Amino acid sequence: MVGAQLTKDGVVICGATDSLEATTGEAVRVSELTAAEVRKLDAYQSPVDFESYAA
């Protein structure tokens, strides 16, 4: 399921939850950042061990 979250400046971001921790490693909510700040986060360097979810 994909949800939509609003940034602090009202831009819609698609994602499962408001938290960015699972995808970026940053313990912050989409609603606490501007769209520009969200864009600067690196969602491709996730610290999450996805292999453990598949088990």
C-alpha atoms as a PDB file:
ATOM      1  CA  MET A   1       0.000   0.000   0.000  1.00  0.00           C
ATOM      2  CA  VAL A   2       1.294   3.455  -0.870  1.00  0.00           C
ATOM      3  CA  GLY A   3       0.218   6.548   0.991  1.00  0.00           C
ATOM      4  CA  ALA A   4       0.619  10.233   0.338  1.00  0.00           C
ATOM      5  CA  GLN A   5       2.271  12.583   2.816  1.00  0.00           C
ATOM      6  CA  LEU A   6       2.566  16.364   2.818  1.00  0.00           C
ATOM      7  CA  THR A   7       5.870  18.131   3.343  1.00  0.00           C
ATOM      8  CA  LYS A   8       6.118  21.152   5.635  1.00  0.00           C
ATOM      9  CA  ASP A   9       5.634  23.377   2.583  1.00  0.00           C
ATOM     10  CA  GLY A  10       2.603  21.440   1.275  1.00  0.00           C
ATOM     11  CA  VAL A  11       4.159  19.250  -1.448  1.00  0.00           C
ATOM     12  CA  VAL A  12       2.750  15.712  -1.789  1.00  0.00           C
ATOM     13  CA  ILE A  13       5.264  12.870  -1.337  1.00  0.00           C
ATOM     14  CA  CYS A  14       4.242   9.275  -2.094  1.00  0.00           C
ATOM     15  CA  GLY A  15       5.351   6.667   0.411  1.00  0.00           C
ATOM     16  CA  ALA A  16       4.055   4.023   2.767  1.00  0.00           C
ATOM     17  CA  THR A  17       4.472   6.053   5.964  1.00  0.00           C
ATOM     18  CA  ASP A  18       5.300   9.566   7.128  1.00  0.00           C
ATOM     19  CA  SER A  19       8.649   8.372   8.529  1.00  0.00           C
ATOM     20  CA  LEU A  20      11.737   8.461   6.297  1.00  0.00           C
ATOM     21  CA  GLU A  21      13.854   6.264   8.560  1.00  0.00           C
ATOM     22  CA  ALA A  22      13.360   2.981   6.665  1.00  0.00           C
ATOM     23  CA  THR A  23      14.381   4.459   3.314  1.00  0.00           C
ATOM     24  CA  THR A  24      16.959   7.083   4.273  1.00  0.00           C
ATOM     25  CA  GLY A  25      18.178   6.200   7.748  1.00  0.00           C
ATOM     26  CA  GLU A  26      17.024   9.625   8.963  1.00  0.00           C
ATOM     27  CA  ALA A  27      14.640   9.509  11.935  1.00  0.00           C
ATOM     28  CA  VAL A  28      12.448  12.319  10.624  1.00  0.00           C
ATOM     29  CA  ARG A  29       8.920  12.671   9.280  1.00  0.00           C
ATOM     30  CA  VAL A  30       8.045  13.965   5.819  1.00  0.00           C
ATOM     31  CA  SER A  31       5.834  16.589   7.461  1.00  0.00           C
ATOM     32  CA  GLU A  32       8.841  18.043   9.326  1.00  0.00           C
ATOM     33  CA  LEU A  33      10.808  18.813   6.144  1.00  0.00           C
ATOM     34  CA  THR A  34      10.348  20.985   3.079  1.00  0.00           C
ATOM     35  CA  ALA A  35      10.258  19.303  -0.333  1.00  0.00           C
ATOM     36  CA  ALA A  36      13.790  20.575  -1.033  1.00  0.00           C
ATOM     37  CA  GLU A  37      15.045  18.972   2.190  1.00  0.00           C
ATOM     38  CA  VAL A  38      13.388  15.652   1.312  1.00  0.00           C
ATOM     39  CA  ARG A  39      15.030  15.709  -2.134  1.00  0.00           C
ATOM     40  CA  LYS A  40      18.470  16.044  -0.516  1.00  0.00           C
ATOM     41  CA  LEU A  41      18.052  12.818   1.464  1.00  0.00           C
ATOM     42  CA  ASP A  42      19.576   9.701  -0.070  1.00  0.00           C
ATOM     43  CA  ALA A  43      16.864   7.048  -0.237  1.00  0.00           C
ATOM     44  CA  TYR A  44      19.166   4.664  -2.085  1.00  0.00           C
ATOM     45  CA  GLN A  45      21.639   4.226   0.768  1.00  0.00           C
ATOM     46  CA  SER A  46      19.179   2.610   3.144  1.00  0.00           C
ATOM     47  CA  PRO A  47      20.606   1.084   6.329  1.00  0.00           C
ATOM     48  CA  VAL A  48      17.697  -1.368   6.392  1.00  0.00           C
ATOM     49  CA  ASP A  49      18.578  -5.042   5.938  1.00  0.00           C
ATOM     50  CA  PHE A  50      15.962  -5.943   3.332  1.00  0.00           C
ATOM     51  CA  GLU A  51      17.099  -9.571   3.309  1.00  0.00           C
ATOM     52  CA  SER A  52      15.737  -9.961   6.841  1.00  0.00           C
ATOM     53  CA  TYR A  53      12.280  -8.881   5.649  1.00  0.00           C
ATOM     54  CA  ALA A  54      12.240 -11.592   2.967  1.00  0.00           C
ATOM     55  CA  ALA A  55      12.967 -14.370   5.474  1.00  0.00           C
END
